Amino acid sequence: MKISIKHLWREPLLHFLLIGVALFVFYDLTREVSSEAPNRIVVNSGHGLLTVKA
């Protein structure tokens, strides 16, 4: 079964995938990288609260 390029460009799934890839690339290029990333996660046993400590 041959699929032509014209037919492929009309596929909504291809458009969805291309838009998704573009959004991830845009986010990766525009996000600010924080140098103060937390390096330890502590789970408190009292109320099940999650606390992130640097």
C-alpha atoms as a PDB file:
ATOM      1  CA  MET A   1       0.000   0.000   0.000  1.00  0.00           C
ATOM      2  CA  LYS A   2       1.518   3.284  -1.123  1.00  0.00           C
ATOM      3  CA  ILE A   3       0.819   6.478   0.762  1.00  0.00           C
ATOM      4  CA  SER A   4       1.504   9.659  -1.108  1.00  0.00           C
ATOM      5  CA  ILE A   5       2.951  12.748   0.531  1.00  0.00           C
ATOM      6  CA  LYS A   6      -0.189  14.713  -0.411  1.00  0.00           C
ATOM      7  CA  HIS A   7      -2.365  12.232   1.425  1.00  0.00           C
ATOM      8  CA  LEU A   8      -0.033  12.181   4.432  1.00  0.00           C
ATOM      9  CA  TRP A   9      -0.168  15.974   4.810  1.00  0.00           C
ATOM     10  CA  ARG A  10      -3.961  15.781   5.134  1.00  0.00           C
ATOM     11  CA  GLU A  11      -3.825  13.469   8.157  1.00  0.00           C
ATOM     12  CA  PRO A  12      -5.030  15.141  11.394  1.00  0.00           C
ATOM     13  CA  LEU A  13      -2.817  12.843  13.478  1.00  0.00           C
ATOM     14  CA  LEU A  14       0.274  14.168  11.704  1.00  0.00           C
ATOM     15  CA  HIS A  15      -0.848  17.753  12.383  1.00  0.00           C
ATOM     16  CA  PHE A  16      -1.439  16.908  16.054  1.00  0.00           C
ATOM     17  CA  LEU A  17       2.006  15.338  16.392  1.00  0.00           C
ATOM     18  CA  LEU A  18       3.766  18.234  14.650  1.00  0.00           C
ATOM     19  CA  ILE A  19       2.011  20.817  16.838  1.00  0.00           C
ATOM     20  CA  GLY A  20       2.924  18.792  19.946  1.00  0.00           C
ATOM     21  CA  VAL A  21       6.587  18.604  18.940  1.00  0.00           C
ATOM     22  CA  ALA A  22       6.599  22.341  18.195  1.00  0.00           C
ATOM     23  CA  LEU A  23       5.160  23.119  21.638  1.00  0.00           C
ATOM     24  CA  PHE A  24       7.777  21.003  23.414  1.00  0.00           C
ATOM     25  CA  VAL A  25      10.604  22.597  21.414  1.00  0.00           C
ATOM     26  CA  PHE A  26       9.222  26.096  22.076  1.00  0.00           C
ATOM     27  CA  TYR A  27       8.955  25.374  25.809  1.00  0.00           C
ATOM     28  CA  ASP A  28      12.482  23.967  25.930  1.00  0.00           C
ATOM     29  CA  LEU A  29      13.920  27.017  24.165  1.00  0.00           C
ATOM     30  CA  THR A  30      12.042  29.609  26.253  1.00  0.00           C
ATOM     31  CA  ARG A  31      12.138  28.182  29.782  1.00  0.00           C
ATOM     32  CA  GLU A  32      14.466  29.603  32.382  1.00  0.00           C
ATOM     33  CA  VAL A  33      16.744  27.070  34.038  1.00  0.00           C
ATOM     34  CA  SER A  34      16.993  27.601  37.773  1.00  0.00           C
ATOM     35  CA  SER A  35      20.400  26.999  39.311  1.00  0.00           C
ATOM     36  CA  GLU A  36      18.780  26.561  42.730  1.00  0.00           C
ATOM     37  CA  ALA A  37      17.144  23.204  42.088  1.00  0.00           C
ATOM     38  CA  PRO A  38      16.107  21.307  45.209  1.00  0.00           C
ATOM     39  CA  ASN A  39      18.267  18.312  45.928  1.00  0.00           C
ATOM     40  CA  ARG A  40      16.248  16.530  48.638  1.00  0.00           C
ATOM     41  CA  ILE A  41      12.602  15.542  49.060  1.00  0.00           C
ATOM     42  CA  VAL A  42      11.264  14.895  52.574  1.00  0.00           C
ATOM     43  CA  VAL A  43       7.911  13.205  53.209  1.00  0.00           C
ATOM     44  CA  ASN A  44       6.386  14.072  56.591  1.00  0.00           C
ATOM     45  CA  SER A  45       4.578  11.169  58.237  1.00  0.00           C
ATOM     46  CA  GLY A  46       2.086  13.316  60.185  1.00  0.00           C
ATOM     47  CA  HIS A  47      -0.374  14.458  57.526  1.00  0.00           C
ATOM     48  CA  GLY A  48       1.171  12.974  54.419  1.00  0.00           C
ATOM     49  CA  LEU A  49       2.499  16.374  53.371  1.00  0.00           C
ATOM     50  CA  LEU A  50       5.337  16.588  50.899  1.00  0.00           C
ATOM     51  CA  THR A  51       8.088  19.125  51.611  1.00  0.00           C
ATOM     52  CA  VAL A  52      10.972  19.949  49.296  1.00  0.00           C
ATOM     53  CA  LYS A  53      14.106  21.188  51.039  1.00  0.00           C
ATOM     54  CA  ALA A  54      17.225  22.502  49.365  1.00  0.00           C
END
